[in-house]
Amino acid sequence: MAKTLTGIVTSDVRDKTITITVTSRETHPIYKKQYSVSRKYTAHDENNEAGIGDKVTISETRPISKTKSFKLDTIHEKSRGSIELKETEVEA
C-alpha cells in the first residue's frame, strides 16, 4: 500500500513539480505537550494542474528524480485566490 499525504501547495514555479507542505500535530514523548510539525515534499504534477494554496493529496511512487518520490493524486480544494492591496495615490 502506497503512502498518501494531504497538504497545501506552497510552490508551483518548477515545470511538472509542486512543493507541498504537510502539517501534523505531534505529542512530545516526555513532556506530553502537543506541537505542530511542518514537512515539505516535492511531487510530480504531470499536467501542471495544481496552483499555490490548493489542498491536494499525493501518493508515494518510484523515485522520479533526486527529491521527487511522490505524484499528485487529487486536488481537493482549489485556492480562492490571493488578496492584493490596491495602491492609493495621495495628492499633495
PDB file of N, CA and C in Angstrom:
ATOM      1  N   MET A   1       0.843  -1.180   0.000  1.00  0.00           N
ATOM      2  CA  MET A   1       0.000   0.000   0.000  1.00  0.00           C
ATOM      3  C   MET A   1       0.890   1.245   0.000  1.00  0.00           C
ATOM      4  N   ALA A   2       0.643   2.138  -0.938  1.00  0.00           N
ATOM      5  CA  ALA A   2       1.452   3.349  -1.056  1.00  0.00           C
ATOM      6  C   ALA A   2       1.038   4.375  -0.011  1.00  0.00           C
ATOM      7  N   LYS A   3       1.999   5.109   0.489  1.00  0.00           N
ATOM      8  CA  LYS A   3       1.733   6.146   1.476  1.00  0.00           C
ATOM      9  C   LYS A   3       1.060   7.333   0.789  1.00  0.00           C
ATOM     10  N   THR A   4      -0.006   7.863   1.403  1.00  0.00           N
ATOM     11  CA  THR A   4      -0.670   9.057   0.866  1.00  0.00           C
ATOM     12  C   THR A   4      -0.625  10.150   1.914  1.00  0.00           C
ATOM     13  N   LEU A   5      -0.452  11.387   1.448  1.00  0.00           N
ATOM     14  CA  LEU A   5      -0.382  12.546   2.324  1.00  0.00           C
ATOM     15  C   LEU A   5      -1.289  13.641   1.784  1.00  0.00           C
ATOM     16  N   THR A   6      -1.832  14.458   2.679  1.00  0.00           N
ATOM     17  CA  THR A   6      -2.664  15.590   2.284  1.00  0.00           C
ATOM     18  C   THR A   6      -2.021  16.859   2.807  1.00  0.00           C
ATOM     19  N   GLY A   7      -1.911  17.862   1.938  1.00  0.00           N
ATOM     20  CA  GLY A   7      -1.286  19.115   2.341  1.00  0.00           C
ATOM     21  C   GLY A   7      -1.642  20.247   1.410  1.00  0.00           C
ATOM     22  N   ILE A   8      -0.978  21.380   1.615  1.00  0.00           N
ATOM     23  CA  ILE A   8      -1.222  22.600   0.854  1.00  0.00           C
ATOM     24  C   ILE A   8      -0.034  22.843  -0.075  1.00  0.00           C
ATOM     25  N   VAL A   9      -0.328  23.216  -1.327  1.00  0.00           N
ATOM     26  CA  VAL A   9       0.727  23.520  -2.294  1.00  0.00           C
ATOM     27  C   VAL A   9       1.341  24.874  -1.936  1.00  0.00           C
ATOM     28  N   THR A  10       2.661  24.902  -1.757  1.00  0.00           N
ATOM     29  CA  THR A  10       3.344  26.146  -1.409  1.00  0.00           C
ATOM     30  C   THR A  10       4.174  26.697  -2.553  1.00  0.00           C
ATOM     31  N   SER A  11       4.441  25.888  -3.599  1.00  0.00           N
ATOM     32  CA  SER A  11       5.205  26.368  -4.742  1.00  0.00           C
ATOM     33  C   SER A  11       4.824  25.564  -5.976  1.00  0.00           C
ATOM     34  N   ASP A  12       4.628  26.283  -7.096  1.00  0.00           N
ATOM     35  CA  ASP A  12       4.349  25.612  -8.365  1.00  0.00           C
ATOM     36  C   ASP A  12       5.179  26.224  -9.488  1.00  0.00           C
ATOM     37  N   VAL A  13       6.333  26.784  -9.139  1.00  0.00           N
ATOM     38  CA  VAL A  13       7.173  27.501 -10.092  1.00  0.00           C
ATOM     39  C   VAL A  13       7.830  26.553 -11.091  1.00  0.00           C
ATOM     40  N   ARG A  14       8.314  25.407 -10.605  1.00  0.00           N
ATOM     41  CA  ARG A  14       9.024  24.465 -11.475  1.00  0.00           C
ATOM     42  C   ARG A  14       8.056  23.727 -12.399  1.00  0.00           C
ATOM     43  N   ASP A  15       8.540  23.352 -13.578  1.00  0.00           N
ATOM     44  CA  ASP A  15       7.710  22.656 -14.552  1.00  0.00           C
ATOM     45  C   ASP A  15       7.445  21.220 -14.099  1.00  0.00           C
ATOM     46  N   LYS A  16       6.182  20.831 -14.035  1.00  0.00           N
ATOM     47  CA  LYS A  16       5.729  19.497 -13.650  1.00  0.00           C
ATOM     48  C   LYS A  16       6.120  19.106 -12.231  1.00  0.00           C
ATOM     49  N   THR A  17       6.419  20.075 -11.378  1.00  0.00           N
ATOM     50  CA  THR A  17       6.792  19.808  -9.999  1.00  0.00           C
ATOM     51  C   THR A  17       6.084  20.793  -9.077  1.00  0.00           C
ATOM     52  N   ILE A  18       5.531  20.274  -7.976  1.00  0.00           N
ATOM     53  CA  ILE A  18       4.923  21.135  -6.960  1.00  0.00           C
ATOM     54  C   ILE A  18       5.545  20.803  -5.610  1.00  0.00           C
ATOM     55  N   THR A  19       5.561  21.780  -4.727  1.00  0.00           N
ATOM     56  CA  THR A  19       6.040  21.581  -3.370  1.00  0.00           C
ATOM     57  C   THR A  19       4.839  21.647  -2.441  1.00  0.00           C
ATOM     58  N   ILE A  20       4.688  20.625  -1.602  1.00  0.00           N
ATOM     59  CA  ILE A  20       3.554  20.527  -0.699  1.00  0.00           C
ATOM     60  C   ILE A  20       4.054  20.605   0.730  1.00  0.00           C
ATOM     61  N   THR A  21       3.365  21.398   1.568  1.00  0.00           N
ATOM     62  CA  THR A  21       3.663  21.457   2.990  1.00  0.00           C
ATOM     63  C   THR A  21       2.595  20.679   3.733  1.00  0.00           C
ATOM     64  N   VAL A  22       3.022  19.654   4.475  1.00  0.00           N
ATOM     65  CA  VAL A  22       2.117  18.812   5.255  1.00  0.00           C
ATOM     66  C   VAL A  22       2.337  19.155   6.717  1.00  0.00           C
ATOM     67  N   THR A  23       1.280  19.601   7.398  1.00  0.00           N
ATOM     68  CA  THR A  23       1.358  19.987   8.802  1.00  0.00           C
ATOM     69  C   THR A  23       0.659  18.930   9.645  1.00  0.00           C
ATOM     70  N   SER A  24       1.320  18.485  10.720  1.00  0.00           N
ATOM     71  CA  SER A  24       0.727  17.493  11.612  1.00  0.00           C
ATOM     72  C   SER A  24       0.982  17.893  13.062  1.00  0.00           C
ATOM     73  N   ARG A  25       0.133  17.368  13.954  1.00  0.00           N
ATOM     74  CA  ARG A  25       0.301  17.612  15.389  1.00  0.00           C
ATOM     75  C   ARG A  25       0.944  16.388  16.014  1.00  0.00           C
ATOM     76  N   GLU A  26       1.989  16.613  16.797  1.00  0.00           N
ATOM     77  CA  GLU A  26       2.664  15.522  17.476  1.00  0.00           C
ATOM     78  C   GLU A  26       2.742  15.819  18.965  1.00  0.00           C
ATOM     79  N   THR A  27       2.890  14.762  19.765  1.00  0.00           N
ATOM     80  CA  THR A  27       2.986  14.893  21.213  1.00  0.00           C
ATOM     81  C   THR A  27       4.405  14.558  21.641  1.00  0.00           C
ATOM     82  N   HIS A  28       4.987  15.414  22.476  1.00  0.00           N
ATOM     83  CA  HIS A  28       6.348  15.186  22.952  1.00  0.00           C
ATOM     84  C   HIS A  28       6.359  13.965  23.871  1.00  0.00           C
ATOM     85  N   PRO A  29       7.338  13.052  23.685  1.00  0.00           N
ATOM     86  CA  PRO A  29       7.319  11.804  24.458  1.00  0.00           C
ATOM     87  C   PRO A  29       7.510  11.977  25.965  1.00  0.00           C
ATOM     88  N   ILE A  30       8.237  12.999  26.381  1.00  0.00           N
ATOM     89  CA  ILE A  30       8.490  13.192  27.812  1.00  0.00           C
ATOM     90  C   ILE A  30       7.534  14.219  28.413  1.00  0.00           C
ATOM     91  N   TYR A  31       7.406  15.376  27.757  1.00  0.00           N
ATOM     92  CA  TYR A  31       6.652  16.477  28.340  1.00  0.00           C
ATOM     93  C   TYR A  31       5.159  16.430  28.025  1.00  0.00           C
ATOM     94  N   LYS A  32       4.749  15.556  27.109  1.00  0.00           N
ATOM     95  CA  LYS A  32       3.343  15.351  26.751  1.00  0.00           C
ATOM     96  C   LYS A  32       2.653  16.600  26.220  1.00  0.00           C
ATOM     97  N   LYS A  33       3.424  17.550  25.728  1.00  0.00           N
ATOM     98  CA  LYS A  33       2.848  18.752  25.112  1.00  0.00           C
ATOM     99  C   LYS A  33       2.691  18.495  23.625  1.00  0.00           C
ATOM    100  N   GLN A  34       1.627  19.058  23.047  1.00  0.00           N
ATOM    101  CA  GLN A  34       1.438  18.923  21.607  1.00  0.00           C
ATOM    102  C   GLN A  34       2.077  20.110  20.894  1.00  0.00           C
ATOM    103  N   TYR A  35       2.629  19.822  19.727  1.00  0.00           N
ATOM    104  CA  TYR A  35       3.229  20.861  18.903  1.00  0.00           C
ATOM    105  C   TYR A  35       3.004  20.503  17.444  1.00  0.00           C
ATOM    106  N   SER A  36       3.085  21.515  16.572  1.00  0.00           N
ATOM    107  CA  SER A  36       2.845  21.261  15.153  1.00  0.00           C
ATOM    108  C   SER A  36       4.177  21.124  14.426  1.00  0.00           C
ATOM    109  N   VAL A  37       4.201  20.195  13.467  1.00  0.00           N
ATOM    110  CA  VAL A  37       5.391  19.915  12.675  1.00  0.00           C
ATOM    111  C   VAL A  37       5.016  20.092  11.208  1.00  0.00           C
ATOM    112  N   SER A  38       5.819  20.856  10.464  1.00  0.00           N
ATOM    113  CA  SER A  38       5.591  21.046   9.040  1.00  0.00           C
ATOM    114  C   SER A  38       6.698  20.345   8.266  1.00  0.00           C
ATOM    115  N   ARG A  39       6.299  19.563   7.264  1.00  0.00           N
ATOM    116  CA  ARG A  39       7.270  18.886   6.416  1.00  0.00           C
ATOM    117  C   ARG A  39       6.973  19.238   4.964  1.00  0.00           C
ATOM    118  N   LYS A  40       8.022  19.402   4.164  1.00  0.00           N
ATOM    119  CA  LYS A  40       7.851  19.745   2.759  1.00  0.00           C
ATOM    120  C   LYS A  40       8.186  18.533   1.892  1.00  0.00           C
ATOM    121  N   TYR A  41       7.340  18.304   0.892  1.00  0.00           N
ATOM    122  CA  TYR A  41       7.554  17.231  -0.060  1.00  0.00           C
ATOM    123  C   TYR A  41       7.452  17.805  -1.459  1.00  0.00           C
ATOM    124  N   THR A  42       8.240  17.256  -2.393  1.00  0.00           N
ATOM    125  CA  THR A  42       8.084  17.623  -3.791  1.00  0.00           C
ATOM    126  C   THR A  42       7.367  16.487  -4.497  1.00  0.00           C
ATOM    127  N   ALA A  43       6.427  16.835  -5.367  1.00  0.00           N
ATOM    128  CA  ALA A  43       5.619  15.835  -6.051  1.00  0.00           C
ATOM    129  C   ALA A  43       5.568  16.136  -7.537  1.00  0.00           C
ATOM    130  N   HIS A  44       5.334  15.086  -8.311  1.00  0.00           N
ATOM    131  CA  HIS A  44       5.246  15.195  -9.766  1.00  0.00           C
ATOM    132  C   HIS A  44       3.815  15.574 -10.152  1.00  0.00           C
ATOM    133  N   ASP A  45       3.678  16.668 -10.904  1.00  0.00           N
ATOM    134  CA  ASP A  45       2.378  17.152 -11.381  1.00  0.00           C
ATOM    135  C   ASP A  45       2.445  17.173 -12.906  1.00  0.00           C
ATOM    136  N   GLU A  46       2.023  16.084 -13.533  1.00  0.00           N
ATOM    137  CA  GLU A  46       2.221  15.886 -14.975  1.00  0.00           C
ATOM    138  C   GLU A  46       1.628  16.995 -15.828  1.00  0.00           C
ATOM    139  N   ASN A  47       0.423  17.472 -15.504  1.00  0.00           N
ATOM    140  CA  ASN A  47      -0.263  18.456 -16.352  1.00  0.00           C
ATOM    141  C   ASN A  47      -0.230  19.877 -15.791  1.00  0.00           C
ATOM    142  N   ASN A  48       0.594  20.125 -14.780  1.00  0.00           N
ATOM    143  CA  ASN A  48       0.679  21.439 -14.130  1.00  0.00           C
ATOM    144  C   ASN A  48      -0.707  21.941 -13.714  1.00  0.00           C
ATOM    145  N   GLU A  49      -1.494  21.072 -13.068  1.00  0.00           N
ATOM    146  CA  GLU A  49      -2.860  21.404 -12.673  1.00  0.00           C
ATOM    147  C   GLU A  49      -2.931  22.196 -11.373  1.00  0.00           C
ATOM    148  N   ALA A  50      -2.093  21.862 -10.410  1.00  0.00           N
ATOM    149  CA  ALA A  50      -2.184  22.451  -9.080  1.00  0.00           C
ATOM    150  C   ALA A  50      -1.547  23.832  -9.033  1.00  0.00           C
ATOM    151  N   GLY A  51      -2.132  24.703  -8.219  1.00  0.00           N
ATOM    152  CA  GLY A  51      -1.607  26.047  -8.022  1.00  0.00           C
ATOM    153  C   GLY A  51      -1.344  26.296  -6.555  1.00  0.00           C
ATOM    154  N   ILE A  52      -0.722  27.427  -6.265  1.00  0.00           N
ATOM    155  CA  ILE A  52      -0.390  27.764  -4.880  1.00  0.00           C
ATOM    156  C   ILE A  52      -1.673  27.904  -4.071  1.00  0.00           C
ATOM    157  N   GLY A  53      -1.696  27.280  -2.887  1.00  0.00           N
ATOM    158  CA  GLY A  53      -2.840  27.366  -1.996  1.00  0.00           C
ATOM    159  C   GLY A  53      -3.847  26.246  -2.151  1.00  0.00           C
ATOM    160  N   ASP A  54      -3.683  25.387  -3.156  1.00  0.00           N
ATOM    161  CA  ASP A  54      -4.618  24.273  -3.359  1.00  0.00           C
ATOM    162  C   ASP A  54      -4.379  23.192  -2.314  1.00  0.00           C
ATOM    163  N   LYS A  55      -5.474  22.544  -1.872  1.00  0.00           N
ATOM    164  CA  LYS A  55      -5.371  21.420  -0.955  1.00  0.00           C
ATOM    165  C   LYS A  55      -5.351  20.149  -1.800  1.00  0.00           C
ATOM    166  N   VAL A  56      -4.256  19.365  -1.697  1.00  0.00           N
ATOM    167  CA  VAL A  56      -4.059  18.221  -2.584  1.00  0.00           C
ATOM    168  C   VAL A  56      -3.698  16.955  -1.797  1.00  0.00           C
ATOM    169  N   THR A  57      -3.860  15.817  -2.457  1.00  0.00           N
ATOM    170  CA  THR A  57      -3.403  14.534  -1.934  1.00  0.00           C
ATOM    171  C   THR A  57      -2.328  14.002  -2.861  1.00  0.00           C
ATOM    172  N   ILE A  58      -1.211  13.559  -2.269  1.00  0.00           N
ATOM    173  CA  ILE A  58      -0.124  12.986  -3.050  1.00  0.00           C
ATOM    174  C   ILE A  58       0.092  11.552  -2.588  1.00  0.00           C
ATOM    175  N   SER A  59       0.608  10.699  -3.492  1.00  0.00           N
ATOM    176  CA  SER A  59       0.882   9.319  -3.109  1.00  0.00           C
ATOM    177  C   SER A  59       2.301   8.945  -3.506  1.00  0.00           C
ATOM    178  N   GLU A  60       2.859   8.023  -2.753  1.00  0.00           N
ATOM    179  CA  GLU A  60       4.236   7.588  -2.967  1.00  0.00           C
ATOM    180  C   GLU A  60       4.348   6.780  -4.256  1.00  0.00           C
ATOM    181  N   THR A  61       5.441   6.973  -4.968  1.00  0.00           N
ATOM    182  CA  THR A  61       5.690   6.258  -6.213  1.00  0.00           C
ATOM    183  C   THR A  61       7.191   6.010  -6.332  1.00  0.00           C
ATOM    184  N   ARG A  62       7.600   5.435  -7.446  1.00  0.00           N
ATOM    185  CA  ARG A  62       9.028   5.206  -7.638  1.00  0.00           C
ATOM    186  C   ARG A  62       9.740   6.563  -7.723  1.00  0.00           C
ATOM    187  N   PRO A  63      11.028   6.643  -7.383  1.00  0.00           N
ATOM    188  CA  PRO A  63      11.728   7.924  -7.469  1.00  0.00           C
ATOM    189  C   PRO A  63      11.754   8.448  -8.907  1.00  0.00           C
ATOM    190  N   ILE A  64      11.308   9.681  -9.066  1.00  0.00           N
ATOM    191  CA  ILE A  64      11.286  10.325 -10.380  1.00  0.00           C
ATOM    192  C   ILE A  64      12.552  11.149 -10.574  1.00  0.00           C
ATOM    193  N   SER A  65      13.033  11.749  -9.498  1.00  0.00           N
ATOM    194  CA  SER A  65      14.297  12.482  -9.530  1.00  0.00           C
ATOM    195  C   SER A  65      14.943  12.355  -8.152  1.00  0.00           C
ATOM    196  N   LYS A  66      15.969  13.151  -7.900  1.00  0.00           N
ATOM    197  CA  LYS A  66      16.676  13.071  -6.619  1.00  0.00           C
ATOM    198  C   LYS A  66      15.751  13.357  -5.440  1.00  0.00           C
ATOM    199  N   THR A  67      14.855  14.335  -5.596  1.00  0.00           N
ATOM    200  CA  THR A  67      13.982  14.724  -4.479  1.00  0.00           C
ATOM    201  C   THR A  67      12.529  14.309  -4.660  1.00  0.00           C
ATOM    202  N   LYS A  68      12.110  13.937  -5.857  1.00  0.00           N
ATOM    203  CA  LYS A  68      10.704  13.608  -6.113  1.00  0.00           C
ATOM    204  C   LYS A  68      10.445  12.109  -6.034  1.00  0.00           C
ATOM    205  N   SER A  69       9.620  11.704  -5.061  1.00  0.00           N
ATOM    206  CA  SER A  69       9.187  10.313  -4.999  1.00  0.00           C
ATOM    207  C   SER A  69       7.691  10.240  -4.683  1.00  0.00           C
ATOM    208  N   PHE A  70       6.970  11.322  -4.981  1.00  0.00           N
ATOM    209  CA  PHE A  70       5.522  11.376  -4.827  1.00  0.00           C
ATOM    210  C   PHE A  70       4.918  11.889  -6.126  1.00  0.00           C
ATOM    211  N   LYS A  71       3.642  11.548  -6.349  1.00  0.00           N
ATOM    212  CA  LYS A  71       2.930  12.090  -7.506  1.00  0.00           C
ATOM    213  C   LYS A  71       1.597  12.649  -7.038  1.00  0.00           C
ATOM    214  N   LEU A  72       1.080  13.620  -7.775  1.00  0.00           N
ATOM    215  CA  LEU A  72      -0.195  14.253  -7.443  1.00  0.00           C
ATOM    216  C   LEU A  72      -1.330  13.282  -7.725  1.00  0.00           C
ATOM    217  N   ASP A  73      -2.199  13.063  -6.725  1.00  0.00           N
ATOM    218  CA  ASP A  73      -3.367  12.202  -6.908  1.00  0.00           C
ATOM    219  C   ASP A  73      -4.603  13.031  -7.235  1.00  0.00           C
ATOM    220  N   THR A  74      -5.052  13.806  -6.264  1.00  0.00           N
ATOM    221  CA  THR A  74      -6.273  14.588  -6.457  1.00  0.00           C
ATOM    222  C   THR A  74      -6.106  15.986  -5.891  1.00  0.00           C
ATOM    223  N   ILE A  75      -6.862  16.917  -6.457  1.00  0.00           N
ATOM    224  CA  ILE A  75      -6.944  18.276  -5.921  1.00  0.00           C
ATOM    225  C   ILE A  75      -8.291  18.367  -5.210  1.00  0.00           C
ATOM    226  N   HIS A  76      -8.263  18.490  -3.883  1.00  0.00           N
ATOM    227  CA  HIS A  76      -9.497  18.522  -3.104  1.00  0.00           C
ATOM    228  C   HIS A  76     -10.187  19.877  -3.175  1.00  0.00           C
ATOM    229  N   GLU A  77      -9.389  20.937  -3.062  1.00  0.00           N
ATOM    230  CA  GLU A  77      -9.971  22.270  -2.976  1.00  0.00           C
ATOM    231  C   GLU A  77      -9.035  23.262  -3.658  1.00  0.00           C
ATOM    232  N   LYS A  78      -9.568  23.978  -4.638  1.00  0.00           N
ATOM    233  CA  LYS A  78      -8.766  24.980  -5.334  1.00  0.00           C
ATOM    234  C   LYS A  78      -8.639  26.226  -4.457  1.00  0.00           C
ATOM    235  N   SER A  79      -7.556  26.955  -4.651  1.00  0.00           N
ATOM    236  CA  SER A  79      -7.322  28.188  -3.913  1.00  0.00           C
ATOM    237  C   SER A  79      -8.346  29.238  -4.332  1.00  0.00           C
ATOM    238  N   ARG A  80      -8.758  30.041  -3.382  1.00  0.00           N
ATOM    239  CA  ARG A  80      -9.740  31.085  -3.676  1.00  0.00           C
ATOM    240  C   ARG A  80      -9.091  32.333  -4.253  1.00  0.00           C
ATOM    241  N   GLY A  81      -7.773  32.328  -4.394  1.00  0.00           N
ATOM    242  CA  GLY A  81      -7.060  33.486  -4.936  1.00  0.00           C
ATOM    243  C   GLY A  81      -6.386  34.275  -3.833  1.00  0.00           C
ATOM    244  N   SER A  82      -5.388  35.024  -4.214  1.00  0.00           N
ATOM    245  CA  SER A  82      -4.659  35.812  -3.231  1.00  0.00           C
ATOM    246  C   SER A  82      -5.246  37.210  -3.147  1.00  0.00           C
ATOM    247  N   ILE A  83      -5.021  37.825  -2.024  1.00  0.00           N
ATOM    248  CA  ILE A  83      -5.522  39.178  -1.807  1.00  0.00           C
ATOM    249  C   ILE A  83      -4.385  40.149  -2.077  1.00  0.00           C
ATOM    250  N   GLU A  84      -4.625  41.075  -3.003  1.00  0.00           N
ATOM    251  CA  GLU A  84      -3.629  42.102  -3.287  1.00  0.00           C
ATOM    252  C   GLU A  84      -4.198  43.451  -2.877  1.00  0.00           C
ATOM    253  N   LEU A  85      -3.377  44.231  -2.209  1.00  0.00           N
ATOM    254  CA  LEU A  85      -3.811  45.545  -1.763  1.00  0.00           C
ATOM    255  C   LEU A  85      -3.664  46.549  -2.892  1.00  0.00           C
ATOM    256  N   LYS A  86      -4.676  47.385  -3.040  1.00  0.00           N
ATOM    257  CA  LYS A  86      -4.611  48.426  -4.060  1.00  0.00           C
ATOM    258  C   LYS A  86      -3.713  49.549  -3.572  1.00  0.00           C
ATOM    259  N   GLU A  87      -2.937  50.085  -4.482  1.00  0.00           N
ATOM    260  CA  GLU A  87      -2.112  51.235  -4.128  1.00  0.00           C
ATOM    261  C   GLU A  87      -2.940  52.493  -4.355  1.00  0.00           C
ATOM    262  N   THR A  88      -3.026  53.320  -3.319  1.00  0.00           N
ATOM    263  CA  THR A  88      -3.794  54.554  -3.446  1.00  0.00           C
ATOM    264  C   THR A  88      -2.831  55.715  -3.621  1.00  0.00           C
ATOM    265  N   GLU A  89      -3.154  56.569  -4.552  1.00  0.00           N
ATOM    266  CA  GLU A  89      -2.302  57.725  -4.792  1.00  0.00           C
ATOM    267  C   GLU A  89      -2.779  58.862  -3.893  1.00  0.00           C
ATOM    268  N   VAL A  90      -1.841  59.493  -3.218  1.00  0.00           N
ATOM    269  CA  VAL A  90      -2.150  60.608  -2.340  1.00  0.00           C
ATOM    270  C   VAL A  90      -1.693  61.882  -3.022  1.00  0.00           C
ATOM    271  N   GLU A  91      -2.639  62.794  -3.238  1.00  0.00           N
ATOM    272  CA  GLU A  91      -2.286  64.070  -3.887  1.00  0.00           C
ATOM    273  C   GLU A  91      -1.864  65.075  -2.837  1.00  0.00           C
ATOM    274  N   ALA A  92      -0.826  65.837  -3.157  1.00  0.00           N
ATOM    275  CA  ALA A  92      -0.290  66.806  -2.205  1.00  0.00           C
ATOM    276  C   ALA A  92      -0.965  68.137  -2.304  1.00  0.00           C
TER     277      ALA A  92
END
